[in-house]
Amino acid sequence: MPKIKIRHARQEDHGPLCRFIEIVDNDFYPPLSMRGNGIEQRVWECLAGKHSYYLIAEGHSAPHDTAGNIIGVIGCSKFWRKENDAYINLMCVHPLQRKKGISRALYQELERDLMNEGIRKLYVCTWSTNDAAMRFYGSNGFIPYCIVKNDRGNRVDTIHYRKTFQS
């Protein structure tokens, strides 16, 4: 794994984080830019949300990138349905930095922090054509509990996962 620094996201990360999301936008289905109010509003809500919790991985990306040192991000909404649960609503790594353990490092730090805050269940969803995400969640103890058929298009299902932390 490359040398990285993981830190909490701050409101002043808005610009670089928006530029980072633009780099990975087409990896999402549908792209984040096509959802709701677009990338800038989504990032702002993530950074300023009352129960939002985001971590940024910093390291070296491509020299032509405009996202500064951001090479990965993971974030969630705490107290999503109940007081002791959370929902991961964003996880992505720079295309040139994938398969280097950055997602795992971000996820492990998020899980540790959430468990220390008393979170006991973690939820996430992805789409049925995102094999890498499905493998990642499965290898980290998530169990699929609901499939919404054709939710994201013809033959593209949304798969909901959850994980219960052991006390």
Foldseek 3Di string as FASTA:
>chain_A
DDDKDKDWDALVLLVLVLLQLVQCQVVAQVGQQPDDPGSSVVSNCQRPPPQKTKMFIFDDDDPPGPSHRTFWMWMWGACPPHNQEIEIDDTDGRPVCPPVCPSVVRVVVVVVVSVVVRRFKYKYKGKPVCVVVVVVCVVVAWDWDDWAAQPRHHRIIITMTMHGDDD
